Amino acid sequence: MTLLVVVAAVLVVAAAVRGVFSPCGLSMISAITPFSERARGNAYGWTAAWFVAGAVGGGLLLGGLGGAGALLGRLVDDETFGGPPVLALASVCALVALAADLPGLAFRLPLHPRQVNERWMAGYRRWVYAAGFGAQIGTGFATYIMTAATYLVPVYGALTGSVPTALALGAGFGAARGAAVLLSCRATDPHRLRRLHAALAVAAPWTVRATVVLLALAAVLLAGAAAGVAGAAVAALIAAVLAAASMTRRRPSDRTEPEPALV
């Protein structure tokens, strides 16, 4: 079970980082900056703090979903958790997420293309819009879902069989998503903000590749823990077949990197 927790923690970070590159994530980096908050009469540091706090709260809601699953699973069969069947199921879930993230395959999980309402900035106090935006970002499912690894946050939380672990995974996801707003801490003028977005545009494709690699590695490690070398070999073969299929087929990408939104 320790392996599952470690793998889950790594994928939580990967999902959170990938989420930064959603239209909503990039919009928040543009909307909450030192110069934009100064223009609203607010201190950037406090606005960012409210945003991160809201994101952690949203992450706890996501973790609570996993915790409910863990609690239910414990009530049904307390002895199953930590055993090979759970690890094998976790490996299968990673392979499903991998198939959804590979750009050349037709299979994909729902992306939920939704933005936060930036008109809140004009109609509400700082703590309301900052915490509200952060909460929506932190839940993972309220706005654009950039990677299927996001679905694994509550799923793996449930499979650990531990409510505190599930909550920690959710809170960690929310904290990582919320901390992305701090990327704009040095964007003190529009020129520096454009430079930041240019750097993010360069990094975006690498986050896709890194997430895919981590999903494949997670599937292999978990399968190996569940069924030994044979299990790892089967998972590796399936991952390789999926990767090969994605290279021979092309479909319009649903996760095309958006243009920077300079709010």
C-alpha atoms as a PDB file:
ATOM      1  CA  MET A   1       0.000   0.000   0.000  1.00  0.00           C
ATOM      2  CA  THR A   2       2.965   2.311   0.541  1.00  0.00           C
ATOM      3  CA  LEU A   3       3.716   2.010  -3.175  1.00  0.00           C
ATOM      4  CA  LEU A   4       0.178   3.013  -4.069  1.00  0.00           C
ATOM      5  CA  VAL A   5       0.398   6.100  -1.859  1.00  0.00           C
ATOM      6  CA  VAL A   6       3.731   7.121  -3.393  1.00  0.00           C
ATOM      7  CA  VAL A   7       2.446   6.580  -6.934  1.00  0.00           C
ATOM      8  CA  ALA A   8      -0.724   8.488  -6.116  1.00  0.00           C
ATOM      9  CA  ALA A   9       1.272  11.401  -4.703  1.00  0.00           C
ATOM     10  CA  VAL A  10       3.420  11.612  -7.834  1.00  0.00           C
ATOM     11  CA  LEU A  11       0.391  11.536 -10.115  1.00  0.00           C
ATOM     12  CA  VAL A  12      -1.344  14.155  -7.983  1.00  0.00           C
ATOM     13  CA  VAL A  13       1.533  16.534  -8.660  1.00  0.00           C
ATOM     14  CA  ALA A  14       1.563  15.603 -12.354  1.00  0.00           C
ATOM     15  CA  ALA A  15      -2.179  16.228 -12.672  1.00  0.00           C
ATOM     16  CA  ALA A  16      -1.908  19.551 -10.860  1.00  0.00           C
ATOM     17  CA  VAL A  17       0.987  20.743 -12.996  1.00  0.00           C
ATOM     18  CA  ARG A  18      -0.779  19.723 -16.188  1.00  0.00           C
ATOM     19  CA  GLY A  19      -3.877  21.604 -15.032  1.00  0.00           C
ATOM     20  CA  VAL A  20      -1.903  24.853 -14.936  1.00  0.00           C
ATOM     21  CA  PHE A  21      -1.960  24.826 -18.739  1.00  0.00           C
ATOM     22  CA  SER A  22      -5.735  24.776 -19.064  1.00  0.00           C
ATOM     23  CA  PRO A  23      -7.442  27.911 -20.422  1.00  0.00           C
ATOM     24  CA  CYS A  24      -8.721  28.553 -16.916  1.00  0.00           C
ATOM     25  CA  GLY A  25      -5.329  28.012 -15.316  1.00  0.00           C
ATOM     26  CA  LEU A  26      -3.595  30.373 -17.720  1.00  0.00           C
ATOM     27  CA  SER A  27      -6.392  32.893 -17.289  1.00  0.00           C
ATOM     28  CA  MET A  28      -5.894  32.926 -13.533  1.00  0.00           C
ATOM     29  CA  ILE A  29      -2.176  33.541 -13.967  1.00  0.00           C
ATOM     30  CA  SER A  30      -3.066  36.501 -16.174  1.00  0.00           C
ATOM     31  CA  ALA A  31      -5.868  37.826 -14.001  1.00  0.00           C
ATOM     32  CA  ILE A  32      -4.120  37.753 -10.621  1.00  0.00           C
ATOM     33  CA  THR A  33      -0.845  39.624 -10.994  1.00  0.00           C
ATOM     34  CA  PRO A  34       0.927  42.324  -9.002  1.00  0.00           C
ATOM     35  CA  PHE A  35      -0.023  45.056 -11.486  1.00  0.00           C
ATOM     36  CA  SER A  36      -3.641  43.918 -11.962  1.00  0.00           C
ATOM     37  CA  GLU A  37      -4.256  43.666  -8.216  1.00  0.00           C
ATOM     38  CA  ARG A  38      -2.599  47.031  -7.700  1.00  0.00           C
ATOM     39  CA  ALA A  39      -5.029  48.503 -10.224  1.00  0.00           C
ATOM     40  CA  ARG A  40      -7.912  47.061  -8.204  1.00  0.00           C
ATOM     41  CA  GLY A  41      -6.519  48.569  -5.015  1.00  0.00           C
ATOM     42  CA  ASN A  42      -5.520  45.196  -3.585  1.00  0.00           C
ATOM     43  CA  ALA A  43      -2.263  43.678  -2.382  1.00  0.00           C
ATOM     44  CA  TYR A  44      -1.208  40.842  -4.661  1.00  0.00           C
ATOM     45  CA  GLY A  45       0.151  38.737  -1.791  1.00  0.00           C
ATOM     46  CA  TRP A  46      -3.164  38.643   0.057  1.00  0.00           C
ATOM     47  CA  THR A  47      -5.126  37.898  -3.105  1.00  0.00           C
ATOM     48  CA  ALA A  48      -2.787  35.033  -3.950  1.00  0.00           C
ATOM     49  CA  ALA A  49      -3.076  33.734  -0.385  1.00  0.00           C
ATOM     50  CA  TRP A  50      -6.885  33.689  -0.610  1.00  0.00           C
ATOM     51  CA  PHE A  51      -6.629  31.907  -3.953  1.00  0.00           C
ATOM     52  CA  VAL A  52      -4.327  29.199  -2.590  1.00  0.00           C
ATOM     53  CA  ALA A  53      -6.515  28.770   0.497  1.00  0.00           C
ATOM     54  CA  GLY A  54      -9.581  28.354  -1.690  1.00  0.00           C
ATOM     55  CA  ALA A  55      -7.734  25.831  -3.866  1.00  0.00           C
ATOM     56  CA  VAL A  56      -6.758  23.769  -0.813  1.00  0.00           C
ATOM     57  CA  GLY A  57     -10.394  23.841   0.298  1.00  0.00           C
ATOM     58  CA  GLY A  58     -11.496  22.677  -3.132  1.00  0.00           C
ATOM     59  CA  GLY A  59      -8.864  19.958  -3.029  1.00  0.00           C
ATOM     60  CA  LEU A  60     -10.221  18.766   0.299  1.00  0.00           C
ATOM     61  CA  LEU A  61     -13.622  18.354  -1.341  1.00  0.00           C
ATOM     62  CA  LEU A  62     -11.978  16.241  -4.025  1.00  0.00           C
ATOM     63  CA  GLY A  63     -10.136  14.287  -1.368  1.00  0.00           C
ATOM     64  CA  GLY A  64     -13.384  13.867   0.512  1.00  0.00           C
ATOM     65  CA  LEU A  65     -14.801  12.073  -2.510  1.00  0.00           C
ATOM     66  CA  GLY A  66     -11.911   9.622  -2.341  1.00  0.00           C
ATOM     67  CA  GLY A  67     -12.289   9.378   1.421  1.00  0.00           C
ATOM     68  CA  ALA A  68     -15.941   8.435   1.058  1.00  0.00           C
ATOM     69  CA  GLY A  69     -14.915   5.697  -1.347  1.00  0.00           C
ATOM     70  CA  ALA A  70     -12.250   4.484   1.063  1.00  0.00           C
ATOM     71  CA  LEU A  71     -14.718   4.390   3.927  1.00  0.00           C
ATOM     72  CA  LEU A  72     -17.288   2.551   1.857  1.00  0.00           C
ATOM     73  CA  GLY A  73     -14.690   0.051   0.688  1.00  0.00           C
ATOM     74  CA  ARG A  74     -13.564  -0.596   4.231  1.00  0.00           C
ATOM     75  CA  LEU A  75     -17.138  -1.257   5.283  1.00  0.00           C
ATOM     76  CA  VAL A  76     -17.656  -3.729   2.443  1.00  0.00           C
ATOM     77  CA  ASP A  77     -14.357  -5.625   2.676  1.00  0.00           C
ATOM     78  CA  ASP A  78     -11.737  -4.374   5.086  1.00  0.00           C
ATOM     79  CA  GLU A  79      -9.243  -7.145   4.264  1.00  0.00           C
ATOM     80  CA  THR A  80      -8.976  -6.399   0.530  1.00  0.00           C
ATOM     81  CA  PHE A  81      -7.162  -3.082   0.862  1.00  0.00           C
ATOM     82  CA  GLY A  82      -3.434  -3.298   0.482  1.00  0.00           C
ATOM     83  CA  GLY A  83      -3.592  -6.593  -1.369  1.00  0.00           C
ATOM     84  CA  PRO A  84      -2.820  -7.542  -4.964  1.00  0.00           C
ATOM     85  CA  PRO A  85      -6.400  -7.032  -6.231  1.00  0.00           C
ATOM     86  CA  VAL A  86      -6.360  -3.346  -5.249  1.00  0.00           C
ATOM     87  CA  LEU A  87      -2.918  -2.809  -6.752  1.00  0.00           C
ATOM     88  CA  ALA A  88      -4.012  -4.541  -9.949  1.00  0.00           C
ATOM     89  CA  LEU A  89      -7.102  -2.336 -10.129  1.00  0.00           C
ATOM     90  CA  ALA A  90      -4.936   0.748  -9.605  1.00  0.00           C
ATOM     91  CA  SER A  91      -2.725  -0.394 -12.490  1.00  0.00           C
ATOM     92  CA  VAL A  92      -5.748  -0.818 -14.755  1.00  0.00           C
ATOM     93  CA  CYS A  93      -6.948   2.669 -13.824  1.00  0.00           C
ATOM     94  CA  ALA A  94      -3.545   4.098 -14.764  1.00  0.00           C
ATOM     95  CA  LEU A  95      -3.723   2.352 -18.140  1.00  0.00           C
ATOM     96  CA  VAL A  96      -7.194   3.763 -18.755  1.00  0.00           C
ATOM     97  CA  ALA A  97      -5.905   7.244 -17.931  1.00  0.00           C
ATOM     98  CA  LEU A  98      -2.938   6.654 -20.218  1.00  0.00           C
ATOM     99  CA  ALA A  99      -5.226   5.685 -23.098  1.00  0.00           C
ATOM    100  CA  ALA A 100      -7.274   8.834 -22.519  1.00  0.00           C
ATOM    101  CA  ASP A 101      -4.210  11.086 -22.492  1.00  0.00           C
ATOM    102  CA  LEU A 102      -2.441   9.699 -25.558  1.00  0.00           C
ATOM    103  CA  PRO A 103      -3.263  12.157 -28.361  1.00  0.00           C
ATOM    104  CA  GLY A 104      -3.650   9.642 -31.179  1.00  0.00           C
ATOM    105  CA  LEU A 105      -6.415   7.528 -29.650  1.00  0.00           C
ATOM    106  CA  ALA A 106     -10.144   8.072 -30.009  1.00  0.00           C
ATOM    107  CA  PHE A 107     -10.834   7.169 -26.382  1.00  0.00           C
ATOM    108  CA  ARG A 108     -10.971  10.042 -23.927  1.00  0.00           C
ATOM    109  CA  LEU A 109     -12.587  10.908 -20.628  1.00  0.00           C
ATOM    110  CA  PRO A 110     -14.799  14.006 -20.238  1.00  0.00           C
ATOM    111  CA  LEU A 111     -12.804  17.269 -20.357  1.00  0.00           C
ATOM    112  CA  HIS A 112     -15.490  19.559 -18.891  1.00  0.00           C
ATOM    113  CA  PRO A 113     -14.524  22.717 -20.876  1.00  0.00           C
ATOM    114  CA  ARG A 114     -15.611  25.376 -18.402  1.00  0.00           C
ATOM    115  CA  GLN A 115     -14.052  28.653 -17.288  1.00  0.00           C
ATOM    116  CA  VAL A 116     -14.524  30.534 -14.035  1.00  0.00           C
ATOM    117  CA  ASN A 117     -16.580  33.718 -14.268  1.00  0.00           C
ATOM    118  CA  GLU A 118     -14.031  36.537 -14.270  1.00  0.00           C
ATOM    119  CA  ARG A 119     -16.788  39.112 -13.839  1.00  0.00           C
ATOM    120  CA  TRP A 120     -16.597  38.192 -10.172  1.00  0.00           C
ATOM    121  CA  MET A 121     -13.551  40.449 -10.002  1.00  0.00           C
ATOM    122  CA  ALA A 122     -15.677  43.492 -10.708  1.00  0.00           C
ATOM    123  CA  GLY A 123     -18.634  42.489  -8.569  1.00  0.00           C
ATOM    124  CA  TYR A 124     -17.203  40.916  -5.417  1.00  0.00           C
ATOM    125  CA  ARG A 125     -14.634  41.601  -2.748  1.00  0.00           C
ATOM    126  CA  ARG A 126     -11.112  40.279  -3.147  1.00  0.00           C
ATOM    127  CA  TRP A 127     -11.460  37.377  -0.749  1.00  0.00           C
ATOM    128  CA  VAL A 128     -14.666  36.225  -2.446  1.00  0.00           C
ATOM    129  CA  TYR A 129     -13.365  36.082  -6.006  1.00  0.00           C
ATOM    130  CA  ALA A 130      -9.894  34.861  -5.062  1.00  0.00           C
ATOM    131  CA  ALA A 131     -11.075  32.081  -2.757  1.00  0.00           C
ATOM    132  CA  GLY A 132     -13.955  31.254  -5.080  1.00  0.00           C
ATOM    133  CA  PHE A 133     -11.706  30.925  -8.107  1.00  0.00           C
ATOM    134  CA  GLY A 134      -9.226  28.893  -6.089  1.00  0.00           C
ATOM    135  CA  ALA A 135     -11.932  26.533  -4.844  1.00  0.00           C
ATOM    136  CA  GLN A 136     -13.115  25.837  -8.385  1.00  0.00           C
ATOM    137  CA  ILE A 137      -9.552  25.241  -9.549  1.00  0.00           C
ATOM    138  CA  GLY A 138      -8.785  23.026  -6.556  1.00  0.00           C
ATOM    139  CA  THR A 139     -11.715  20.656  -7.018  1.00  0.00           C
ATOM    140  CA  GLY A 140     -10.181  19.533 -10.300  1.00  0.00           C
ATOM    141  CA  PHE A 141     -13.511  18.891 -12.014  1.00  0.00           C
ATOM    142  CA  ALA A 142     -15.145  22.341 -11.938  1.00  0.00           C
ATOM    143  CA  THR A 143     -13.092  23.630 -14.896  1.00  0.00           C
ATOM    144  CA  TYR A 144     -11.065  22.192 -17.793  1.00  0.00           C
ATOM    145  CA  ILE A 145      -9.630  18.731 -17.088  1.00  0.00           C
ATOM    146  CA  MET A 146      -6.306  18.665 -18.904  1.00  0.00           C
ATOM    147  CA  THR A 147      -5.298  15.113 -18.017  1.00  0.00           C
ATOM    148  CA  ALA A 148      -7.079  11.921 -17.070  1.00  0.00           C
ATOM    149  CA  ALA A 149      -4.662  11.704 -14.141  1.00  0.00           C
ATOM    150  CA  THR A 150      -7.021  14.142 -12.404  1.00  0.00           C
ATOM    151  CA  TYR A 151      -9.585  11.355 -12.215  1.00  0.00           C
ATOM    152  CA  LEU A 152      -7.046   9.211 -10.398  1.00  0.00           C
ATOM    153  CA  VAL A 153      -6.817  11.625  -7.455  1.00  0.00           C
ATOM    154  CA  PRO A 154     -10.110  10.515  -5.820  1.00  0.00           C
ATOM    155  CA  VAL A 155      -9.874   6.992  -7.273  1.00  0.00           C
ATOM    156  CA  TYR A 156      -6.461   6.316  -5.768  1.00  0.00           C
ATOM    157  CA  GLY A 157      -7.547   8.024  -2.573  1.00  0.00           C
ATOM    158  CA  ALA A 158     -10.373   5.510  -2.325  1.00  0.00           C
ATOM    159  CA  LEU A 159      -8.114   2.576  -3.175  1.00  0.00           C
ATOM    160  CA  THR A 160      -5.740   3.399  -0.329  1.00  0.00           C
ATOM    161  CA  GLY A 161      -8.557   2.586   2.052  1.00  0.00           C
ATOM    162  CA  SER A 162      -7.497   5.512   4.247  1.00  0.00           C
ATOM    163  CA  VAL A 163      -9.673   8.591   4.668  1.00  0.00           C
ATOM    164  CA  PRO A 164      -6.785  10.766   5.953  1.00  0.00           C
ATOM    165  CA  THR A 165      -4.623   9.701   2.995  1.00  0.00           C
ATOM    166  CA  ALA A 166      -7.412  10.467   0.541  1.00  0.00           C
ATOM    167  CA  LEU A 167      -7.895  13.903   2.101  1.00  0.00           C
ATOM    168  CA  ALA A 168      -4.152  14.548   1.997  1.00  0.00           C
ATOM    169  CA  LEU A 169      -3.999  13.637  -1.690  1.00  0.00           C
ATOM    170  CA  GLY A 170      -6.874  15.985  -2.447  1.00  0.00           C
ATOM    171  CA  ALA A 171      -5.403  18.808  -0.379  1.00  0.00           C
ATOM    172  CA  GLY A 172      -2.040  18.308  -2.065  1.00  0.00           C
ATOM    173  CA  PHE A 173      -3.657  18.522  -5.480  1.00  0.00           C
ATOM    174  CA  GLY A 174      -5.474  21.710  -4.505  1.00  0.00           C
ATOM    175  CA  ALA A 175      -2.353  23.264  -3.020  1.00  0.00           C
ATOM    176  CA  ALA A 176      -0.320  22.509  -6.138  1.00  0.00           C
ATOM    177  CA  ARG A 177      -3.032  23.885  -8.417  1.00  0.00           C
ATOM    178  CA  GLY A 178      -3.423  26.989  -6.285  1.00  0.00           C
ATOM    179  CA  ALA A 179       0.303  27.633  -6.009  1.00  0.00           C
ATOM    180  CA  ALA A 180       0.418  28.102  -9.789  1.00  0.00           C
ATOM    181  CA  VAL A 181      -0.925  31.614  -9.294  1.00  0.00           C
ATOM    182  CA  LEU A 182       2.427  32.479  -7.696  1.00  0.00           C
ATOM    183  CA  LEU A 183       4.068  32.055 -11.094  1.00  0.00           C
ATOM    184  CA  SER A 184       2.938  35.591 -11.827  1.00  0.00           C
ATOM    185  CA  CYS A 185       4.545  37.068  -8.712  1.00  0.00           C
ATOM    186  CA  ARG A 186       7.217  38.786 -10.818  1.00  0.00           C
ATOM    187  CA  ALA A 187       4.862  39.825 -13.598  1.00  0.00           C
ATOM    188  CA  THR A 188       4.821  43.457 -12.494  1.00  0.00           C
ATOM    189  CA  ASP A 189       3.858  44.749 -15.938  1.00  0.00           C
ATOM    190  CA  PRO A 190       2.221  43.407 -19.147  1.00  0.00           C
ATOM    191  CA  HIS A 191       5.599  42.855 -20.822  1.00  0.00           C
ATOM    192  CA  ARG A 192       6.781  40.506 -18.093  1.00  0.00           C
ATOM    193  CA  LEU A 193       3.431  38.732 -18.138  1.00  0.00           C
ATOM    194  CA  ARG A 194       3.790  38.074 -21.867  1.00  0.00           C
ATOM    195  CA  ARG A 195       7.284  36.693 -21.265  1.00  0.00           C
ATOM    196  CA  LEU A 196       5.875  34.377 -18.606  1.00  0.00           C
ATOM    197  CA  HIS A 197       3.213  33.064 -20.969  1.00  0.00           C
ATOM    198  CA  ALA A 198       5.801  32.552 -23.690  1.00  0.00           C
ATOM    199  CA  ALA A 199       7.816  30.386 -21.287  1.00  0.00           C
ATOM    200  CA  LEU A 200       4.694  28.441 -20.312  1.00  0.00           C
ATOM    201  CA  ALA A 201       3.877  27.830 -23.970  1.00  0.00           C
ATOM    202  CA  VAL A 202       7.318  26.249 -24.406  1.00  0.00           C
ATOM    203  CA  ALA A 203       6.859  24.070 -21.315  1.00  0.00           C
ATOM    204  CA  ALA A 204       3.317  22.903 -22.107  1.00  0.00           C
ATOM    205  CA  PRO A 205       4.135  20.039 -24.527  1.00  0.00           C
ATOM    206  CA  TRP A 206       6.684  18.662 -22.089  1.00  0.00           C
ATOM    207  CA  THR A 207       4.035  18.426 -19.357  1.00  0.00           C
ATOM    208  CA  VAL A 208       1.917  16.292 -21.675  1.00  0.00           C
ATOM    209  CA  ARG A 209       4.826  13.925 -22.346  1.00  0.00           C
ATOM    210  CA  ALA A 210       5.823  13.773 -18.686  1.00  0.00           C
ATOM    211  CA  THR A 211       2.290  12.932 -17.572  1.00  0.00           C
ATOM    212  CA  VAL A 212       1.984  10.147 -20.150  1.00  0.00           C
ATOM    213  CA  VAL A 213       5.317   8.651 -19.085  1.00  0.00           C
ATOM    214  CA  LEU A 214       4.359   8.798 -15.413  1.00  0.00           C
ATOM    215  CA  LEU A 215       1.015   7.109 -16.077  1.00  0.00           C
ATOM    216  CA  ALA A 216       2.738   4.297 -17.965  1.00  0.00           C
ATOM    217  CA  LEU A 217       5.347   3.899 -15.251  1.00  0.00           C
ATOM    218  CA  ALA A 218       2.653   3.874 -12.561  1.00  0.00           C
ATOM    219  CA  ALA A 219       0.774   1.117 -14.385  1.00  0.00           C
ATOM    220  CA  VAL A 220       3.903  -1.028 -14.667  1.00  0.00           C
ATOM    221  CA  LEU A 221       5.003  -0.540 -11.054  1.00  0.00           C
ATOM    222  CA  LEU A 222       1.560  -1.260  -9.632  1.00  0.00           C
ATOM    223  CA  ALA A 223       1.087  -4.311 -11.848  1.00  0.00           C
ATOM    224  CA  GLY A 224       4.495  -5.578 -10.786  1.00  0.00           C
ATOM    225  CA  ALA A 225       3.590  -5.154  -7.120  1.00  0.00           C
ATOM    226  CA  ALA A 226       0.328  -7.000  -7.724  1.00  0.00           C
ATOM    227  CA  ALA A 227       1.536  -9.893  -9.870  1.00  0.00           C
ATOM    228  CA  GLY A 228       5.294  -9.812 -10.007  1.00  0.00           C
ATOM    229  CA  VAL A 229       7.390  -9.682 -13.158  1.00  0.00           C
ATOM    230  CA  ALA A 230       4.606 -11.176 -15.252  1.00  0.00           C
ATOM    231  CA  GLY A 231       2.192  -8.451 -14.199  1.00  0.00           C
ATOM    232  CA  ALA A 232       4.703  -5.719 -14.914  1.00  0.00           C
ATOM    233  CA  ALA A 233       5.429  -7.227 -18.332  1.00  0.00           C
ATOM    234  CA  VAL A 234       1.741  -7.331 -19.243  1.00  0.00           C
ATOM    235  CA  ALA A 235       1.221  -3.723 -18.172  1.00  0.00           C
ATOM    236  CA  ALA A 236       4.320  -2.622 -20.075  1.00  0.00           C
ATOM    237  CA  LEU A 237       3.105  -4.447 -23.185  1.00  0.00           C
ATOM    238  CA  ILE A 238      -0.321  -2.821 -22.985  1.00  0.00           C
ATOM    239  CA  ALA A 239       1.249   0.617 -22.504  1.00  0.00           C
ATOM    240  CA  ALA A 240       3.535   0.007 -25.489  1.00  0.00           C
ATOM    241  CA  VAL A 241       0.613  -1.080 -27.670  1.00  0.00           C
ATOM    242  CA  LEU A 242      -1.349   2.034 -26.688  1.00  0.00           C
ATOM    243  CA  ALA A 243       1.641   4.255 -27.436  1.00  0.00           C
ATOM    244  CA  ALA A 244       2.182   2.580 -30.815  1.00  0.00           C
ATOM    245  CA  ALA A 245      -1.492   2.964 -31.685  1.00  0.00           C
ATOM    246  CA  SER A 246      -1.383   6.644 -30.781  1.00  0.00           C
ATOM    247  CA  MET A 247       1.506   7.176 -33.176  1.00  0.00           C
ATOM    248  CA  THR A 248      -0.310   5.588 -36.094  1.00  0.00           C
ATOM    249  CA  ARG A 249      -3.569   7.431 -35.592  1.00  0.00           C
ATOM    250  CA  ARG A 250      -4.240  11.121 -35.357  1.00  0.00           C
ATOM    251  CA  ARG A 251      -7.256  12.978 -34.148  1.00  0.00           C
ATOM    252  CA  PRO A 252      -7.839  16.681 -33.505  1.00  0.00           C
ATOM    253  CA  SER A 253      -6.466  17.359 -30.053  1.00  0.00           C
ATOM    254  CA  ASP A 254      -9.012  18.327 -27.439  1.00  0.00           C
ATOM    255  CA  ARG A 255      -6.191  19.666 -25.329  1.00  0.00           C
ATOM    256  CA  THR A 256      -4.617  22.100 -27.763  1.00  0.00           C
ATOM    257  CA  GLU A 257      -2.670  24.613 -25.765  1.00  0.00           C
ATOM    258  CA  PRO A 258      -4.634  27.885 -25.648  1.00  0.00           C
ATOM    259  CA  GLU A 259      -3.274  31.291 -26.424  1.00  0.00           C
ATOM    260  CA  PRO A 260      -2.317  33.272 -23.319  1.00  0.00           C
ATOM    261  CA  ALA A 261      -5.250  35.218 -21.939  1.00  0.00           C
ATOM    262  CA  LEU A 262      -4.021  38.629 -20.904  1.00  0.00           C
ATOM    263  CA  VAL A 263      -6.794  39.881 -18.661  1.00  0.00           C
END
